[in-house]
Amino acid sequence: MPRVFRFLTVSALLAATIALSACGGGKQARHGPRAVAAIPAEQVIAPNFGDTDPHPEVAVAKRRYPVHGIDLARFQTSVDWATARANGVNFAFIKATEGGDLVDPLFHEHWRGAARAGVRRGAYHFYYHCRAPEEQARWFFRHVPRHKGDLPPVLDMEWTPFSPTCTIRRPAEVIRRDARTIIEMMTRHYGTAPILYTTVDFFEENEMWRLSGVDFWLRSVAAHPSDRYPGQHWAFWQYTSTGVVPGIAGDVDINAFAGSREAWATWLAARAQ
C-alpha cells in the first residue's frame, strides 16, 4: 500500500533550523548551527510559486494537483536547490543531451544539486530531427547514469523552426518510427519506459497518440490539457513557462503531476528506476 505523505509548509521547514544552545554561564557554544538535512525525497511539499504572466488555469493547477515540480536547462544559471525544494519543488526534469553531440553545460551541476536537496530528478533528451535515433539514444546513455530511485528518462519531441542547423519536417510516420526506436532503447537500458514530452502542434501533426507504452508529459500553457489534447491520458502537465520559484533566478517552467499524493507514491513505486 502506498504511504501517505504529508505536506510541509515553508514555516515548518524554517522552524527546523535549530541553533545549539549556549554551554552554561552564558558562554558561547563551541559549535556552530546544526546543518539542516535534505528534505526526504518522498515528502510532498505544497507549491509556493508565483507567475509573471499567469493564465486562469495556473490557479486550477495549484488547487487541483498537489504534486508540482520544474524543468530546467542551461538558462537557469542560478538555482538554490534547498530553497526551491522547501517551496514546493518535488521533482525536476533536467536537460541532459540534444541530438548526438551536445550536452547541456549545466546538466551535471543541476543533477547533483537536485539530489542533494531531496528533489526527485529525471533527465531529458531533446530530439534532433537530423540525427539517427539510435545515435541519439546512445549519446543520452553515455551521459545519464542509471541510478536507483531516479525518474524515468524523458524524450522531448517538438518542432525546431529556429534551429540554426536543422529545421526539416519529416512525415509523421517517420517521426513516430524514430520515437519508437528511442523509446525501446531507453526502456531496455534503464529498465523503465521513458516519458514522452511534446507540444500541441507536434502532437496533432504527428498523431503522437498512436504511440503506446509511455507516459505523456504535455505542454499546455494557456489551457488545461483536456482542452488542448482531448481524450489523451497524461502524467505531467507543463502549465506555465513564466513561473517564479523561490531559489531560482528568472522565469522557469512549472509542471504538475496528474494525481494525488498517494497516486504520486504509487506511480514512483511503479515507474522510477
Protein backbone atom coordinates (compact mmCIF):
# COMPACT_ATOMS: atom_id res chain seq x y z
CA MET A 1 0.00 0.00 0.00
CA PRO A 2 1.32 3.49 -0.76
CA ARG A 3 2.41 5.61 2.13
CA VAL A 4 0.56 8.87 2.69
CA PHE A 5 2.95 11.79 2.62
CA ARG A 6 2.06 15.00 4.39
CA PHE A 7 2.64 18.49 3.08
CA LEU A 8 5.38 20.55 4.72
CA THR A 9 4.91 24.28 5.00
CA VAL A 10 7.73 26.72 4.47
CA SER A 11 7.34 27.97 8.03
CA ALA A 12 7.69 24.44 9.39
CA LEU A 13 10.85 23.95 7.39
CA LEU A 14 12.35 27.17 8.65
CA ALA A 15 11.50 26.20 12.22
CA ALA A 16 13.53 23.02 11.74
CA THR A 17 16.76 25.04 11.72
CA ILE A 18 17.80 24.91 15.37
CA ALA A 19 20.90 26.57 16.75
CA LEU A 20 22.82 24.87 19.55
CA SER A 21 22.15 26.40 22.93
CA ALA A 22 24.98 28.11 24.80
CA CYS A 23 27.11 25.93 27.06
CA GLY A 24 26.17 27.26 30.53
CA GLY A 25 27.13 30.51 32.23
CA GLY A 26 26.39 32.50 29.07
CA LYS A 27 29.47 31.13 27.35
CA GLN A 28 29.44 30.89 23.57
CA ALA A 29 28.59 27.48 22.10
CA ARG A 30 31.61 25.53 21.00
CA HIS A 31 29.95 24.51 17.73
CA GLY A 32 28.07 26.43 15.05
CA PRO A 33 24.44 25.94 14.00
CA ARG A 34 23.33 22.46 13.08
CA ALA A 35 23.08 21.85 9.34
CA VAL A 36 19.57 21.18 8.10
CA ALA A 37 19.26 17.77 6.47
CA ALA A 38 17.88 17.48 2.96
CA ILE A 39 14.14 17.01 2.85
CA PRO A 40 13.37 13.33 2.17
CA ALA A 41 12.51 12.82 -1.48
CA GLU A 42 9.25 11.04 -0.60
CA GLN A 43 7.79 14.03 1.23
CA VAL A 44 5.44 16.20 -0.81
CA ILE A 45 5.60 19.94 -0.22
CA ALA A 46 2.85 22.32 -1.28
CA PRO A 47 3.78 24.80 -4.05
CA ASN A 48 4.71 28.33 -3.03
CA PHE A 49 5.14 29.64 -6.56
CA GLY A 50 4.36 32.86 -8.40
CA ASP A 51 3.93 33.64 -12.09
CA THR A 52 4.90 36.68 -14.13
CA ASP A 53 2.19 36.07 -16.73
CA PRO A 54 -0.39 33.65 -15.32
CA HIS A 55 -3.33 32.26 -17.27
CA PRO A 56 -6.54 31.19 -15.48
CA GLU A 57 -5.57 27.52 -15.41
CA VAL A 58 -2.49 28.22 -13.27
CA ALA A 59 -4.76 28.60 -10.26
CA VAL A 60 -6.59 25.43 -11.26
CA ALA A 61 -3.31 23.51 -11.46
CA LYS A 62 -2.30 24.61 -7.97
CA ARG A 63 -5.71 23.86 -6.49
CA ARG A 64 -6.40 20.53 -8.18
CA TYR A 65 -2.95 18.89 -8.25
CA PRO A 66 -0.83 18.66 -5.09
CA VAL A 67 2.48 17.49 -6.59
CA HIS A 68 4.44 20.11 -8.51
CA GLY A 69 7.92 20.37 -9.98
CA ILE A 70 10.04 22.12 -12.59
CA ASP A 71 12.02 21.51 -15.74
CA LEU A 72 15.17 23.40 -16.46
CA ALA A 73 18.31 23.66 -18.58
CA ARG A 74 21.29 25.94 -19.06
CA PHE A 75 19.04 29.01 -19.00
CA GLN A 76 18.52 28.57 -15.25
CA THR A 77 22.01 29.60 -14.23
CA SER A 78 21.36 30.21 -10.54
CA VAL A 79 19.47 27.61 -8.52
CA ASP A 80 19.38 27.34 -4.73
CA TRP A 81 18.01 23.82 -4.65
CA ALA A 82 17.37 23.70 -0.91
CA THR A 83 15.20 26.83 -1.10
CA ALA A 84 13.39 25.59 -4.20
CA ARG A 85 12.69 22.25 -2.51
CA ALA A 86 11.36 23.96 0.62
CA ASN A 87 8.96 25.96 -1.55
CA GLY A 88 7.36 23.05 -3.37
CA VAL A 89 9.75 21.66 -6.00
CA ASN A 90 9.10 17.95 -5.54
CA PHE A 91 10.59 16.84 -8.85
CA ALA A 92 12.77 18.24 -11.62
CA PHE A 93 13.26 17.24 -15.23
CA ILE A 94 16.76 18.38 -16.22
CA LYS A 95 18.04 18.73 -19.75
CA ALA A 96 20.95 16.39 -20.36
CA THR A 97 21.56 15.99 -24.08
CA GLU A 98 20.48 17.09 -27.53
CA GLY A 99 20.97 15.22 -30.79
CA GLY A 100 24.14 13.18 -30.88
CA ASP A 101 26.85 15.60 -29.82
CA LEU A 102 25.51 18.20 -27.37
CA VAL A 103 25.46 18.07 -23.57
CA ASP A 104 23.75 20.80 -21.59
CA PRO A 105 26.60 22.66 -19.85
CA LEU A 106 24.72 22.86 -16.54
CA PHE A 107 23.36 19.32 -16.55
CA HIS A 108 25.78 17.85 -14.03
CA GLU A 109 25.51 20.84 -11.70
CA HIS A 110 21.70 20.71 -11.73
CA TRP A 111 21.74 16.90 -11.47
CA ARG A 112 23.87 16.91 -8.32
CA GLY A 113 22.07 19.87 -6.76
CA ALA A 114 18.64 18.30 -7.14
CA ALA A 115 19.77 15.08 -5.50
CA ARG A 116 21.37 16.87 -2.56
CA ALA A 117 18.12 18.75 -1.85
CA GLY A 118 15.90 15.67 -1.97
CA VAL A 119 14.29 16.58 -5.30
CA ARG A 120 13.19 13.63 -7.43
CA ARG A 121 15.20 14.09 -10.61
CA GLY A 122 14.89 12.90 -14.18
CA ALA A 123 16.95 13.71 -17.28
CA TYR A 124 15.61 14.58 -20.70
CA HIS A 125 16.93 14.29 -24.22
CA PHE A 126 15.98 16.92 -26.81
CA TYR A 127 15.27 15.14 -30.08
CA TYR A 128 17.19 16.39 -33.14
CA HIS A 129 15.48 15.81 -36.48
CA CYS A 130 18.73 15.40 -38.40
CA ARG A 131 20.32 12.54 -36.42
CA ALA A 132 19.60 8.81 -36.38
CA PRO A 133 17.51 7.78 -33.36
CA GLU A 134 19.96 5.04 -32.35
CA GLU A 135 22.80 7.55 -32.23
CA GLN A 136 20.73 9.91 -30.09
CA ALA A 137 19.78 7.21 -27.60
CA ARG A 138 23.39 6.07 -27.21
CA TRP A 139 24.52 9.67 -26.67
CA PHE A 140 21.98 10.04 -23.86
CA PHE A 141 23.10 6.75 -22.26
CA ARG A 142 26.68 7.98 -22.32
CA HIS A 143 25.87 10.98 -20.15
CA VAL A 144 22.94 9.94 -17.93
CA PRO A 145 23.75 7.18 -15.43
CA ARG A 146 21.33 4.58 -14.19
CA HIS A 147 20.55 5.42 -10.58
CA LYS A 148 18.00 3.71 -8.35
CA GLY A 149 15.10 5.99 -7.49
CA ASP A 150 15.55 8.47 -10.34
CA LEU A 151 12.58 9.35 -12.51
CA PRO A 152 12.26 7.66 -15.90
CA PRO A 153 14.22 9.25 -18.76
CA VAL A 154 12.35 11.74 -20.94
CA LEU A 155 12.24 12.04 -24.71
CA ASP A 156 11.43 15.63 -25.69
CA MET A 157 9.97 15.80 -29.21
CA GLU A 158 8.88 19.05 -30.80
CA TRP A 159 9.40 21.08 -33.96
CA THR A 160 12.59 23.13 -34.20
CA PRO A 161 11.82 26.06 -36.54
CA PHE A 162 14.56 28.23 -35.02
CA SER A 163 17.36 25.67 -35.07
CA PRO A 164 20.44 27.02 -36.85
CA THR A 165 21.21 23.62 -38.36
CA CYS A 166 18.04 21.51 -38.69
CA THR A 167 14.51 22.70 -39.42
CA ILE A 168 13.25 19.78 -41.50
CA ARG A 169 9.72 18.43 -41.01
CA ARG A 170 9.62 14.78 -41.96
CA PRO A 171 6.46 12.68 -42.39
CA ALA A 172 4.51 11.72 -39.27
CA GLU A 173 5.14 8.01 -39.70
CA VAL A 174 8.91 8.64 -39.76
CA ILE A 175 8.70 10.76 -36.61
CA ARG A 176 6.76 8.03 -34.81
CA ARG A 177 9.19 5.37 -36.03
CA ASP A 178 12.12 7.30 -34.58
CA ALA A 179 10.20 7.78 -31.34
CA ARG A 180 9.54 4.04 -31.04
CA THR A 181 13.21 3.27 -31.61
CA ILE A 182 14.38 5.62 -28.86
CA ILE A 183 11.58 4.51 -26.51
CA GLU A 184 12.55 0.86 -26.93
CA MET A 185 16.25 1.57 -26.41
CA MET A 186 15.63 3.70 -23.31
CA THR A 187 13.31 1.07 -21.84
CA ARG A 188 15.93 -1.65 -22.24
CA HIS A 189 18.75 0.49 -20.89
CA TYR A 190 17.04 2.00 -17.82
CA GLY A 191 14.59 -0.77 -17.03
CA THR A 192 11.60 1.53 -17.25
CA ALA A 193 9.78 3.13 -20.16
CA PRO A 194 10.55 6.81 -20.82
CA ILE A 195 8.20 9.74 -20.53
CA LEU A 196 7.33 11.47 -23.80
CA TYR A 197 7.19 15.28 -23.73
CA THR A 198 5.55 17.12 -26.59
CA THR A 199 3.65 20.23 -27.64
CA VAL A 200 0.15 20.74 -29.02
CA ASP A 201 1.13 21.24 -32.66
CA PHE A 202 3.68 18.44 -32.72
CA PHE A 203 1.25 16.05 -31.02
CA GLU A 204 -1.52 16.78 -33.52
CA GLU A 205 0.53 16.91 -36.71
CA ASN A 206 2.38 13.69 -35.98
CA GLU A 207 -0.53 11.81 -34.39
CA MET A 208 1.57 11.05 -31.34
CA TRP A 209 -1.42 9.46 -29.61
CA ARG A 210 -0.65 6.41 -31.74
CA LEU A 211 2.38 5.69 -29.56
CA SER A 212 1.82 3.33 -26.65
CA GLY A 213 3.77 2.17 -23.63
CA VAL A 214 4.83 5.61 -22.41
CA ASP A 215 3.51 8.26 -20.05
CA PHE A 216 2.86 11.61 -21.69
CA TRP A 217 4.12 14.94 -20.41
CA LEU A 218 2.12 17.61 -22.21
CA ARG A 219 2.78 21.29 -22.69
CA SER A 220 -0.33 23.45 -22.35
CA VAL A 221 0.43 26.94 -21.10
CA ALA A 222 -2.92 28.57 -21.87
CA ALA A 223 -5.49 25.90 -21.03
CA HIS A 224 -5.99 22.56 -19.29
CA PRO A 225 -4.64 19.56 -21.24
CA SER A 226 -8.18 18.23 -21.64
CA ASP A 227 -8.91 21.27 -23.82
CA ARG A 228 -5.78 21.00 -25.97
CA TYR A 229 -5.39 17.20 -26.07
CA PRO A 230 -8.96 15.88 -25.82
CA GLY A 231 -9.13 12.34 -24.54
CA GLN A 232 -5.37 11.96 -24.14
CA HIS A 233 -4.04 10.43 -20.92
CA TRP A 234 -1.19 12.37 -19.34
CA ALA A 235 1.07 12.01 -16.31
CA PHE A 236 2.63 15.50 -16.25
CA TRP A 237 1.31 18.89 -17.34
CA GLN A 238 3.65 21.78 -18.10
CA TYR A 239 1.22 24.52 -17.20
CA THR A 240 3.39 27.63 -17.32
CA SER A 241 6.71 28.80 -18.70
CA THR A 242 6.67 32.03 -16.67
CA GLY A 243 6.76 30.55 -13.20
CA VAL A 244 8.52 32.17 -10.27
CA VAL A 245 10.06 29.78 -7.77
CA PRO A 246 11.97 30.94 -4.66
CA GLY A 247 15.59 29.94 -5.06
CA ILE A 248 15.58 30.11 -8.87
CA ALA A 249 16.61 33.27 -10.70
CA GLY A 250 14.28 34.26 -13.55
CA ASP A 251 11.26 32.53 -15.05
CA VAL A 252 11.07 28.75 -15.01
CA ASP A 253 8.73 26.07 -16.39
CA ILE A 254 6.43 24.57 -13.77
CA ASN A 255 4.68 21.22 -14.03
CA ALA A 256 2.04 19.27 -12.17
CA PHE A 257 1.67 15.53 -11.69
CA ALA A 258 -1.75 14.25 -12.74
CA GLY A 259 -2.79 12.61 -9.48
CA SER A 260 -2.97 12.84 -5.73
CA ARG A 261 -0.09 12.48 -3.26
CA GLU A 262 -1.00 8.82 -2.88
CA ALA A 263 -1.07 8.38 -6.67
CA TRP A 264 2.38 10.01 -6.86
CA ALA A 265 3.78 7.45 -4.41
CA THR A 266 2.20 4.63 -6.37
CA TRP A 267 3.49 5.98 -9.69
CA LEU A 268 7.02 6.31 -8.30
CA ALA A 269 6.93 2.76 -6.99
CA ALA A 270 5.97 1.50 -10.44
CA ARG A 271 7.92 3.83 -12.73
CA ALA A 272 11.07 5.06 -11.01
CA GLN A 273 14.32 3.30 -11.91
